[in-house]
N, C-alpha and C. Protein backbone atom coordinates (compact mmCIF):
# COMPACT_ATOMS: atom_id res chain seq x y z
N MET A 1 -30.80 -40.43 -63.02
CA MET A 1 -31.19 -41.31 -61.92
C MET A 1 -32.45 -40.75 -61.27
N LYS A 2 -33.41 -41.63 -61.07
CA LYS A 2 -34.64 -41.23 -60.39
C LYS A 2 -34.43 -41.22 -58.88
N ILE A 3 -35.19 -40.36 -58.21
CA ILE A 3 -35.11 -40.26 -56.76
C ILE A 3 -35.94 -41.38 -56.14
N THR A 4 -35.23 -42.32 -55.51
CA THR A 4 -35.86 -43.42 -54.78
C THR A 4 -35.05 -43.67 -53.53
N SER A 5 -35.66 -44.29 -52.56
CA SER A 5 -34.99 -44.54 -51.28
C SER A 5 -34.14 -45.81 -51.37
N PRO A 6 -32.90 -45.79 -50.89
CA PRO A 6 -32.16 -44.65 -50.35
C PRO A 6 -31.31 -44.00 -51.44
N CYS A 7 -31.24 -42.69 -51.43
CA CYS A 7 -30.35 -41.95 -52.31
C CYS A 7 -30.07 -40.60 -51.67
N VAL A 8 -29.23 -39.81 -52.32
CA VAL A 8 -28.92 -38.47 -51.84
C VAL A 8 -29.34 -37.49 -52.93
N VAL A 9 -30.10 -36.47 -52.53
CA VAL A 9 -30.54 -35.43 -53.47
C VAL A 9 -29.87 -34.11 -53.11
N SER A 10 -29.52 -33.36 -54.14
CA SER A 10 -29.01 -32.00 -53.94
C SER A 10 -30.14 -31.05 -54.29
N LEU A 11 -30.45 -30.16 -53.35
CA LEU A 11 -31.59 -29.25 -53.51
C LEU A 11 -31.19 -27.80 -53.32
N VAL A 12 -31.93 -26.93 -53.99
CA VAL A 12 -31.96 -25.51 -53.66
C VAL A 12 -33.42 -25.20 -53.38
N TRP A 13 -33.67 -24.20 -52.51
CA TRP A 13 -35.05 -23.85 -52.21
C TRP A 13 -35.17 -22.46 -51.63
N ARG A 14 -36.41 -22.03 -51.58
CA ARG A 14 -36.81 -20.81 -50.88
C ARG A 14 -38.00 -21.20 -50.02
N LEU A 15 -37.87 -20.99 -48.70
CA LEU A 15 -38.91 -21.33 -47.75
C LEU A 15 -39.48 -20.05 -47.17
N GLU A 16 -40.80 -19.90 -47.25
CA GLU A 16 -41.48 -18.71 -46.75
C GLU A 16 -42.67 -19.13 -45.90
N ASP A 17 -43.13 -18.19 -45.06
CA ASP A 17 -44.42 -18.43 -44.42
C ASP A 17 -45.50 -18.08 -45.44
N THR A 18 -46.75 -18.25 -45.09
CA THR A 18 -47.82 -18.02 -46.07
C THR A 18 -48.05 -16.54 -46.38
N GLN A 19 -47.40 -15.66 -45.61
CA GLN A 19 -47.47 -14.22 -45.90
C GLN A 19 -46.32 -13.78 -46.81
N GLY A 20 -45.44 -14.71 -47.16
CA GLY A 20 -44.33 -14.40 -48.05
C GLY A 20 -43.05 -13.98 -47.35
N ALA A 21 -43.00 -14.05 -46.01
CA ALA A 21 -41.78 -13.69 -45.28
C ALA A 21 -40.75 -14.82 -45.42
N LEU A 22 -39.56 -14.47 -45.82
CA LEU A 22 -38.49 -15.44 -46.02
C LEU A 22 -38.08 -16.06 -44.68
N ILE A 23 -38.01 -17.39 -44.65
CA ILE A 23 -37.57 -18.12 -43.47
C ILE A 23 -36.20 -18.74 -43.71
N ASP A 24 -36.01 -19.33 -44.88
CA ASP A 24 -34.77 -20.02 -45.19
C ASP A 24 -34.59 -20.04 -46.70
N GLU A 25 -33.34 -19.93 -47.13
CA GLU A 25 -33.07 -20.01 -48.56
C GLU A 25 -31.75 -20.72 -48.77
N LEU A 26 -31.78 -21.70 -49.65
CA LEU A 26 -30.57 -22.38 -50.09
C LEU A 26 -30.35 -21.99 -51.54
N ALA A 27 -29.42 -21.09 -51.79
CA ALA A 27 -29.12 -20.66 -53.15
C ALA A 27 -28.14 -21.60 -53.83
N GLU A 28 -27.28 -22.24 -53.02
CA GLU A 28 -26.33 -23.23 -53.54
C GLU A 28 -26.85 -24.62 -53.16
N PRO A 29 -26.67 -25.60 -54.03
CA PRO A 29 -27.19 -26.95 -53.75
C PRO A 29 -26.60 -27.53 -52.47
N VAL A 30 -27.47 -28.18 -51.71
CA VAL A 30 -27.09 -28.87 -50.48
C VAL A 30 -27.64 -30.29 -50.57
N GLU A 31 -26.85 -31.26 -50.11
CA GLU A 31 -27.25 -32.66 -50.18
C GLU A 31 -28.08 -33.07 -48.97
N PHE A 32 -29.09 -33.91 -49.24
CA PHE A 32 -29.97 -34.47 -48.21
C PHE A 32 -30.18 -35.94 -48.49
N PHE A 33 -30.26 -36.73 -47.44
CA PHE A 33 -30.54 -38.15 -47.57
C PHE A 33 -32.02 -38.32 -47.82
N PHE A 34 -32.38 -39.00 -48.90
CA PHE A 34 -33.78 -39.28 -49.23
C PHE A 34 -34.11 -40.67 -48.70
N GLY A 35 -35.12 -40.76 -47.84
CA GLY A 35 -35.51 -42.04 -47.27
C GLY A 35 -35.04 -42.19 -45.84
N GLY A 36 -34.68 -41.09 -45.21
CA GLY A 36 -34.19 -41.13 -43.84
C GLY A 36 -34.72 -39.99 -43.02
N ASP A 37 -33.81 -39.27 -42.35
CA ASP A 37 -34.21 -38.24 -41.39
C ASP A 37 -33.99 -36.81 -41.88
N ASP A 38 -33.50 -36.62 -43.09
CA ASP A 38 -33.12 -35.28 -43.52
C ASP A 38 -34.25 -34.39 -44.02
N LEU A 39 -35.33 -34.98 -44.50
CA LEU A 39 -36.40 -34.20 -45.12
C LEU A 39 -37.77 -34.56 -44.53
N LEU A 40 -38.68 -33.60 -44.56
CA LEU A 40 -40.06 -33.85 -44.14
C LEU A 40 -40.72 -34.84 -45.09
N ALA A 41 -41.67 -35.60 -44.58
CA ALA A 41 -42.36 -36.62 -45.38
C ALA A 41 -43.02 -36.03 -46.62
N LYS A 42 -43.66 -34.87 -46.51
CA LYS A 42 -44.33 -34.26 -47.66
C LYS A 42 -43.32 -33.84 -48.73
N VAL A 43 -42.14 -33.43 -48.32
CA VAL A 43 -41.09 -33.09 -49.29
C VAL A 43 -40.64 -34.36 -50.00
N GLU A 44 -40.42 -35.42 -49.24
CA GLU A 44 -40.03 -36.69 -49.85
C GLU A 44 -41.11 -37.20 -50.80
N ASP A 45 -42.39 -37.06 -50.42
CA ASP A 45 -43.48 -37.48 -51.30
C ASP A 45 -43.42 -36.76 -52.64
N ALA A 46 -43.13 -35.46 -52.61
CA ALA A 46 -43.06 -34.67 -53.84
C ALA A 46 -41.86 -35.07 -54.69
N LEU A 47 -40.76 -35.46 -54.06
CA LEU A 47 -39.53 -35.79 -54.78
C LEU A 47 -39.50 -37.21 -55.33
N LEU A 48 -40.28 -38.12 -54.78
CA LEU A 48 -40.24 -39.52 -55.17
C LEU A 48 -40.40 -39.70 -56.68
N ASP A 49 -39.48 -40.44 -57.28
CA ASP A 49 -39.46 -40.77 -58.71
C ASP A 49 -39.17 -39.59 -59.63
N GLN A 50 -38.74 -38.46 -59.06
CA GLN A 50 -38.37 -37.30 -59.89
C GLN A 50 -36.89 -37.39 -60.27
N GLU A 51 -36.44 -36.44 -61.10
CA GLU A 51 -35.06 -36.43 -61.58
C GLU A 51 -34.48 -35.03 -61.45
N ILE A 52 -33.19 -34.90 -61.79
CA ILE A 52 -32.51 -33.60 -61.79
C ILE A 52 -33.33 -32.62 -62.63
N GLY A 53 -33.49 -31.41 -62.12
CA GLY A 53 -34.25 -30.38 -62.82
C GLY A 53 -35.68 -30.25 -62.34
N PHE A 54 -36.17 -31.23 -61.60
CA PHE A 54 -37.54 -31.18 -61.08
C PHE A 54 -37.70 -29.95 -60.19
N GLN A 55 -38.82 -29.24 -60.40
CA GLN A 55 -39.16 -28.08 -59.57
C GLN A 55 -40.57 -28.26 -59.05
N ASP A 56 -40.81 -27.76 -57.85
CA ASP A 56 -42.15 -27.86 -57.28
C ASP A 56 -42.35 -26.72 -56.29
N GLN A 57 -43.61 -26.37 -56.09
CA GLN A 57 -44.01 -25.41 -55.07
C GLN A 57 -44.96 -26.17 -54.14
N LEU A 58 -44.54 -26.29 -52.89
CA LEU A 58 -45.32 -27.03 -51.91
C LEU A 58 -45.93 -26.10 -50.88
N HIS A 59 -47.13 -26.42 -50.46
CA HIS A 59 -47.76 -25.74 -49.33
C HIS A 59 -47.78 -26.77 -48.20
N LEU A 60 -47.15 -26.44 -47.08
CA LEU A 60 -47.04 -27.36 -45.96
C LEU A 60 -47.81 -26.81 -44.76
N GLU A 61 -48.90 -27.45 -44.41
CA GLU A 61 -49.62 -27.09 -43.20
C GLU A 61 -48.80 -27.55 -42.00
N PRO A 62 -49.03 -26.98 -40.82
CA PRO A 62 -48.24 -27.35 -39.65
C PRO A 62 -48.15 -28.86 -39.41
N GLU A 63 -49.25 -29.58 -39.61
CA GLU A 63 -49.23 -31.02 -39.34
C GLU A 63 -48.32 -31.80 -40.31
N HIS A 64 -47.97 -31.17 -41.44
CA HIS A 64 -47.06 -31.80 -42.40
C HIS A 64 -45.66 -31.18 -42.33
N ALA A 65 -45.47 -30.27 -41.42
CA ALA A 65 -44.17 -29.61 -41.29
C ALA A 65 -43.64 -29.85 -39.87
N PHE A 66 -43.84 -28.90 -38.98
CA PHE A 66 -43.26 -28.99 -37.63
C PHE A 66 -44.31 -29.10 -36.54
N GLY A 67 -45.53 -29.44 -36.93
CA GLY A 67 -46.59 -29.69 -35.97
C GLY A 67 -47.25 -28.41 -35.46
N ASP A 68 -48.33 -28.61 -34.73
CA ASP A 68 -49.01 -27.49 -34.10
C ASP A 68 -48.21 -27.04 -32.89
N TYR A 69 -48.37 -25.78 -32.53
CA TYR A 69 -47.71 -25.25 -31.35
C TYR A 69 -48.35 -25.88 -30.12
N ASP A 70 -47.53 -26.41 -29.22
CA ASP A 70 -48.01 -27.10 -28.02
C ASP A 70 -47.60 -26.29 -26.79
N SER A 71 -48.55 -25.58 -26.20
CA SER A 71 -48.24 -24.74 -25.03
C SER A 71 -47.79 -25.58 -23.84
N ALA A 72 -48.09 -26.88 -23.84
CA ALA A 72 -47.64 -27.74 -22.74
C ALA A 72 -46.12 -27.95 -22.76
N LEU A 73 -45.46 -27.56 -23.84
CA LEU A 73 -44.00 -27.68 -23.93
C LEU A 73 -43.28 -26.39 -23.50
N VAL A 74 -44.03 -25.46 -22.92
CA VAL A 74 -43.46 -24.20 -22.46
C VAL A 74 -43.53 -24.18 -20.94
N PHE A 75 -42.41 -23.80 -20.31
CA PHE A 75 -42.43 -23.71 -18.85
C PHE A 75 -41.46 -22.65 -18.34
N PHE A 76 -41.73 -22.20 -17.13
CA PHE A 76 -40.87 -21.25 -16.43
C PHE A 76 -39.91 -22.04 -15.57
N GLU A 77 -38.69 -21.56 -15.46
CA GLU A 77 -37.72 -22.20 -14.57
C GLU A 77 -36.99 -21.12 -13.80
N GLU A 78 -36.69 -21.45 -12.56
CA GLU A 78 -35.95 -20.51 -11.71
C GLU A 78 -34.60 -20.21 -12.34
N ARG A 79 -34.26 -18.96 -12.38
CA ARG A 79 -33.00 -18.49 -12.96
C ARG A 79 -31.79 -19.09 -12.25
N THR A 80 -31.92 -19.33 -10.96
CA THR A 80 -30.79 -19.79 -10.15
C THR A 80 -30.30 -21.19 -10.50
N VAL A 81 -31.13 -22.03 -11.13
CA VAL A 81 -30.69 -23.38 -11.46
C VAL A 81 -30.06 -23.47 -12.86
N LEU A 82 -30.01 -22.34 -13.54
CA LEU A 82 -29.48 -22.31 -14.91
C LEU A 82 -28.13 -21.60 -14.94
N PRO A 83 -27.38 -21.78 -16.02
CA PRO A 83 -26.08 -21.10 -16.11
C PRO A 83 -26.21 -19.59 -15.91
N GLU A 84 -25.19 -19.00 -15.34
CA GLU A 84 -25.22 -17.57 -15.03
C GLU A 84 -25.39 -16.71 -16.28
N LEU A 85 -24.66 -17.05 -17.33
CA LEU A 85 -24.74 -16.29 -18.58
C LEU A 85 -25.85 -16.86 -19.45
N MET A 86 -27.06 -16.43 -19.21
CA MET A 86 -28.24 -16.94 -19.89
C MET A 86 -28.73 -15.88 -20.88
N GLU A 87 -29.03 -16.33 -22.12
CA GLU A 87 -29.58 -15.39 -23.10
C GLU A 87 -30.60 -16.09 -23.98
N VAL A 88 -31.48 -15.29 -24.58
CA VAL A 88 -32.50 -15.81 -25.49
C VAL A 88 -31.82 -16.55 -26.63
N GLY A 89 -32.36 -17.70 -26.96
CA GLY A 89 -31.82 -18.51 -28.04
C GLY A 89 -30.96 -19.68 -27.58
N MET A 90 -30.49 -19.63 -26.33
CA MET A 90 -29.73 -20.77 -25.81
C MET A 90 -30.64 -22.00 -25.79
N GLN A 91 -30.03 -23.17 -25.99
CA GLN A 91 -30.82 -24.39 -26.03
C GLN A 91 -30.28 -25.43 -25.06
N PHE A 92 -31.20 -26.26 -24.56
CA PHE A 92 -30.88 -27.35 -23.66
C PHE A 92 -31.45 -28.63 -24.26
N ASP A 93 -30.61 -29.66 -24.34
CA ASP A 93 -31.06 -30.96 -24.80
C ASP A 93 -31.72 -31.66 -23.62
N GLY A 94 -33.04 -31.57 -23.55
CA GLY A 94 -33.79 -32.08 -22.42
C GLY A 94 -33.95 -31.00 -21.36
N VAL A 95 -34.65 -31.34 -20.31
CA VAL A 95 -34.87 -30.40 -19.20
C VAL A 95 -33.52 -30.13 -18.56
N PRO A 96 -33.18 -28.85 -18.32
CA PRO A 96 -31.87 -28.53 -17.73
C PRO A 96 -31.67 -29.22 -16.38
N GLU A 97 -30.44 -29.67 -16.13
CA GLU A 97 -30.10 -30.32 -14.87
C GLU A 97 -30.41 -29.38 -13.70
N GLY A 98 -31.04 -29.92 -12.68
CA GLY A 98 -31.38 -29.13 -11.50
C GLY A 98 -32.70 -28.40 -11.61
N ALA A 99 -33.40 -28.54 -12.73
CA ALA A 99 -34.67 -27.84 -12.92
C ALA A 99 -35.70 -28.32 -11.91
N ALA A 100 -36.49 -27.39 -11.41
CA ALA A 100 -37.53 -27.70 -10.44
C ALA A 100 -38.81 -28.18 -11.12
N THR A 101 -39.01 -27.81 -12.37
CA THR A 101 -40.23 -28.18 -13.08
C THR A 101 -40.26 -29.69 -13.31
N GLN A 102 -41.38 -30.31 -12.99
CA GLN A 102 -41.55 -31.75 -13.13
C GLN A 102 -42.48 -32.07 -14.28
N GLY A 103 -42.31 -33.26 -14.86
CA GLY A 103 -43.26 -33.77 -15.84
C GLY A 103 -43.03 -33.33 -17.27
N MET A 104 -41.96 -32.60 -17.54
CA MET A 104 -41.68 -32.18 -18.91
C MET A 104 -40.92 -33.29 -19.63
N PRO A 105 -41.21 -33.52 -20.91
CA PRO A 105 -40.48 -34.56 -21.64
C PRO A 105 -38.98 -34.24 -21.69
N ASN A 106 -38.16 -35.26 -21.55
CA ASN A 106 -36.72 -35.04 -21.54
C ASN A 106 -36.08 -35.29 -22.90
N ASN A 107 -36.85 -35.75 -23.87
CA ASN A 107 -36.32 -36.02 -25.21
C ASN A 107 -36.60 -34.87 -26.17
N VAL A 108 -36.64 -33.66 -25.64
CA VAL A 108 -36.96 -32.46 -26.40
C VAL A 108 -35.83 -31.46 -26.21
N VAL A 109 -35.57 -30.67 -27.25
CA VAL A 109 -34.63 -29.56 -27.12
C VAL A 109 -35.43 -28.33 -26.72
N TYR A 110 -35.05 -27.72 -25.59
CA TYR A 110 -35.74 -26.54 -25.08
C TYR A 110 -34.92 -25.30 -25.41
N THR A 111 -35.61 -24.29 -25.92
CA THR A 111 -34.97 -23.03 -26.27
C THR A 111 -35.39 -21.96 -25.28
N VAL A 112 -34.43 -21.16 -24.82
CA VAL A 112 -34.73 -20.04 -23.93
C VAL A 112 -35.38 -18.95 -24.80
N THR A 113 -36.62 -18.59 -24.47
CA THR A 113 -37.33 -17.58 -25.26
C THR A 113 -37.44 -16.24 -24.55
N GLU A 114 -37.31 -16.25 -23.22
CA GLU A 114 -37.35 -15.00 -22.46
C GLU A 114 -36.47 -15.18 -21.22
N VAL A 115 -35.79 -14.10 -20.83
CA VAL A 115 -34.95 -14.12 -19.63
C VAL A 115 -35.38 -12.97 -18.73
N TYR A 116 -35.70 -13.31 -17.49
CA TYR A 116 -36.08 -12.33 -16.48
C TYR A 116 -35.11 -12.46 -15.31
N PRO A 117 -35.07 -11.47 -14.42
CA PRO A 117 -34.14 -11.56 -13.28
C PRO A 117 -34.34 -12.81 -12.42
N SER A 118 -35.59 -13.26 -12.23
CA SER A 118 -35.84 -14.39 -11.34
C SER A 118 -36.13 -15.71 -12.06
N HIS A 119 -36.45 -15.67 -13.35
CA HIS A 119 -36.78 -16.90 -14.07
C HIS A 119 -36.53 -16.74 -15.57
N VAL A 120 -36.58 -17.88 -16.27
CA VAL A 120 -36.50 -17.88 -17.73
C VAL A 120 -37.68 -18.69 -18.25
N VAL A 121 -38.01 -18.46 -19.51
CA VAL A 121 -39.05 -19.22 -20.19
C VAL A 121 -38.35 -20.17 -21.16
N LEU A 122 -38.66 -21.45 -21.05
CA LEU A 122 -38.11 -22.49 -21.93
C LEU A 122 -39.23 -23.04 -22.80
N ASP A 123 -38.96 -23.20 -24.09
CA ASP A 123 -39.97 -23.64 -25.05
C ASP A 123 -39.44 -24.85 -25.80
N GLY A 124 -40.16 -25.97 -25.74
CA GLY A 124 -39.77 -27.19 -26.42
C GLY A 124 -40.35 -27.34 -27.81
N ASN A 125 -41.06 -26.34 -28.30
CA ASN A 125 -41.59 -26.38 -29.66
C ASN A 125 -40.51 -26.03 -30.67
N HIS A 126 -40.61 -26.60 -31.86
CA HIS A 126 -39.75 -26.18 -32.96
C HIS A 126 -40.09 -24.73 -33.26
N ALA A 127 -39.13 -23.95 -33.68
CA ALA A 127 -39.36 -22.52 -33.97
C ALA A 127 -40.43 -22.32 -35.03
N LEU A 128 -40.65 -23.31 -35.88
CA LEU A 128 -41.65 -23.19 -36.94
C LEU A 128 -42.95 -23.95 -36.63
N ALA A 129 -43.12 -24.41 -35.41
CA ALA A 129 -44.35 -25.10 -35.02
C ALA A 129 -45.53 -24.15 -35.16
N GLY A 130 -46.61 -24.67 -35.71
CA GLY A 130 -47.83 -23.89 -35.84
C GLY A 130 -47.86 -22.97 -37.05
N ILE A 131 -46.83 -23.03 -37.89
CA ILE A 131 -46.74 -22.13 -39.04
C ILE A 131 -46.92 -22.92 -40.33
N ALA A 132 -47.83 -22.47 -41.19
CA ALA A 132 -47.96 -23.03 -42.53
C ALA A 132 -46.83 -22.44 -43.39
N LEU A 133 -46.28 -23.26 -44.26
CA LEU A 133 -45.10 -22.87 -45.03
C LEU A 133 -45.32 -23.04 -46.53
N ARG A 134 -44.58 -22.22 -47.29
CA ARG A 134 -44.51 -22.38 -48.75
C ARG A 134 -43.07 -22.69 -49.10
N LEU A 135 -42.86 -23.72 -49.90
CA LEU A 135 -41.52 -24.15 -50.27
C LEU A 135 -41.42 -24.26 -51.78
N ASP A 136 -40.52 -23.49 -52.37
CA ASP A 136 -40.18 -23.61 -53.79
C ASP A 136 -38.86 -24.34 -53.84
N LEU A 137 -38.84 -25.54 -54.45
CA LEU A 137 -37.60 -26.31 -54.47
C LEU A 137 -37.26 -26.76 -55.87
N THR A 138 -35.95 -27.00 -56.08
CA THR A 138 -35.42 -27.50 -57.34
C THR A 138 -34.39 -28.57 -57.04
N VAL A 139 -34.48 -29.69 -57.76
CA VAL A 139 -33.50 -30.77 -57.62
C VAL A 139 -32.33 -30.45 -58.53
N ARG A 140 -31.14 -30.37 -57.94
CA ARG A 140 -29.92 -30.07 -58.70
C ARG A 140 -29.04 -31.30 -58.91
N GLY A 141 -29.27 -32.36 -58.11
CA GLY A 141 -28.47 -33.57 -58.27
C GLY A 141 -29.09 -34.74 -57.55
N VAL A 142 -28.75 -35.94 -58.02
CA VAL A 142 -29.20 -37.18 -57.40
C VAL A 142 -28.04 -38.17 -57.50
N ARG A 143 -27.73 -38.84 -56.40
CA ARG A 143 -26.67 -39.85 -56.43
C ARG A 143 -27.03 -40.98 -55.48
N LYS A 144 -26.32 -42.12 -55.65
CA LYS A 144 -26.50 -43.23 -54.73
C LYS A 144 -25.97 -42.83 -53.37
N ALA A 145 -26.63 -43.29 -52.33
CA ALA A 145 -26.18 -43.04 -50.96
C ALA A 145 -25.04 -44.00 -50.62
N THR A 146 -24.10 -43.53 -49.82
CA THR A 146 -23.02 -44.39 -49.36
C THR A 146 -23.54 -45.30 -48.25
N ALA A 147 -22.78 -46.32 -47.94
CA ALA A 147 -23.16 -47.24 -46.87
C ALA A 147 -23.29 -46.51 -45.53
N SER A 148 -22.37 -45.58 -45.25
CA SER A 148 -22.45 -44.86 -43.98
C SER A 148 -23.65 -43.92 -43.95
N GLU A 149 -24.02 -43.32 -45.06
CA GLU A 149 -25.21 -42.47 -45.11
C GLU A 149 -26.47 -43.30 -44.89
N ILE A 150 -26.50 -44.50 -45.50
CA ILE A 150 -27.65 -45.38 -45.32
C ILE A 150 -27.77 -45.80 -43.87
N GLU A 151 -26.64 -46.16 -43.26
CA GLU A 151 -26.65 -46.57 -41.86
C GLU A 151 -27.11 -45.43 -40.95
N ALA A 152 -26.65 -44.20 -41.23
CA ALA A 152 -27.00 -43.04 -40.40
C ALA A 152 -28.39 -42.52 -40.72
N GLY A 153 -28.90 -42.79 -41.91
CA GLY A 153 -30.19 -42.24 -42.33
C GLY A 153 -30.12 -40.75 -42.56
N SER A 154 -28.89 -40.25 -42.82
CA SER A 154 -28.68 -38.81 -42.96
C SER A 154 -27.36 -38.56 -43.68
N VAL A 155 -27.27 -37.39 -44.31
CA VAL A 155 -26.02 -36.95 -44.91
C VAL A 155 -25.17 -36.25 -43.84
N ASN A 156 -25.78 -35.93 -42.70
CA ASN A 156 -25.08 -35.35 -41.55
C ASN A 156 -24.60 -33.93 -41.75
N GLN A 157 -25.32 -33.11 -42.45
CA GLN A 157 -25.02 -31.69 -42.54
C GLN A 157 -25.98 -30.99 -41.60
N MET A 158 -25.77 -31.20 -40.31
CA MET A 158 -26.74 -30.85 -39.28
C MET A 158 -27.03 -29.37 -39.14
N ASP A 159 -26.22 -28.50 -39.68
CA ASP A 159 -26.46 -27.07 -39.51
C ASP A 159 -27.07 -26.42 -40.73
N ILE A 160 -27.64 -27.19 -41.63
CA ILE A 160 -28.03 -26.64 -42.92
C ILE A 160 -29.52 -26.34 -43.04
N SER A 161 -30.40 -27.23 -42.67
CA SER A 161 -31.76 -27.19 -43.17
C SER A 161 -32.83 -27.12 -42.11
N VAL A 162 -33.92 -26.44 -42.44
CA VAL A 162 -35.07 -26.44 -41.55
C VAL A 162 -36.02 -27.57 -41.89
N LEU A 163 -35.71 -28.37 -42.87
CA LEU A 163 -36.69 -29.35 -43.35
C LEU A 163 -36.54 -30.75 -42.79
N SER A 164 -36.04 -30.88 -41.63
CA SER A 164 -36.09 -32.16 -40.93
C SER A 164 -37.22 -32.10 -39.93
N GLY A 165 -37.52 -33.20 -39.32
CA GLY A 165 -38.61 -33.22 -38.35
C GLY A 165 -38.18 -32.94 -36.93
N SER A 166 -36.98 -32.48 -36.70
CA SER A 166 -36.55 -32.24 -35.33
C SER A 166 -37.44 -31.20 -34.67
N ASN A 167 -37.49 -31.22 -33.35
CA ASN A 167 -38.48 -30.39 -32.67
C ASN A 167 -37.98 -29.02 -32.26
N ALA A 168 -36.74 -28.72 -32.44
CA ALA A 168 -36.27 -27.44 -31.94
C ALA A 168 -35.47 -26.72 -32.99
N GLY A 169 -35.34 -25.43 -32.79
CA GLY A 169 -34.54 -24.65 -33.70
C GLY A 169 -34.62 -23.20 -33.37
N PRO A 170 -33.80 -22.42 -34.03
CA PRO A 170 -33.76 -21.00 -33.77
C PRO A 170 -34.97 -20.29 -34.36
N ALA A 171 -35.04 -19.04 -34.13
CA ALA A 171 -36.14 -18.24 -34.66
C ALA A 171 -36.11 -18.23 -36.17
N PRO A 172 -37.27 -18.05 -36.81
CA PRO A 172 -37.30 -17.95 -38.26
C PRO A 172 -36.29 -16.93 -38.76
N GLY A 173 -35.70 -17.24 -39.91
CA GLY A 173 -34.69 -16.37 -40.49
C GLY A 173 -33.30 -16.95 -40.36
N THR A 174 -33.16 -18.04 -39.60
CA THR A 174 -31.87 -18.70 -39.50
C THR A 174 -32.04 -20.16 -39.92
N SER A 175 -30.99 -20.75 -40.41
CA SER A 175 -31.05 -22.12 -40.90
C SER A 175 -30.65 -23.09 -39.81
N ILE A 176 -31.41 -24.18 -39.76
CA ILE A 176 -31.12 -25.24 -38.81
C ILE A 176 -31.43 -26.56 -39.48
N HIS A 177 -31.12 -27.64 -38.79
CA HIS A 177 -31.51 -28.97 -39.26
C HIS A 177 -32.38 -29.61 -38.20
């Protein structure tokens, strides 16, 4: 079966920055919805009309991956308006309730990047924003998408992959969707 939208592809890959530092690796096949929200557009472009066994090495510039780093998505917030047990890596879906900072987009996931006694630093950039990437991928399977997958535009394995277009995620070296 050729890869066409909508379908589900099983992939393995190795994702590195351009210096060769490992960011993410899928050694066992994982399913992704092709033609929806699970994969970056450049990855889908490479997979279109391919079959099981297809291999490719992609170079993804930031604009084709997670975008350029936007310093306007970083802000300081008073420690007192945030939960008492605050640590680096915690995430907030939108600006935290009670935040004093105005004008920040609320449709962004903010990650705590620094914690100080009086304030914290929140960053709405994806952890891989501004980074060019190298991706070695192999197609291990292709199947028809189910009706629920087509409706959702996703296979819904939300904790698996860094290759979606979502704006937030953990530091490089951990897998996210």
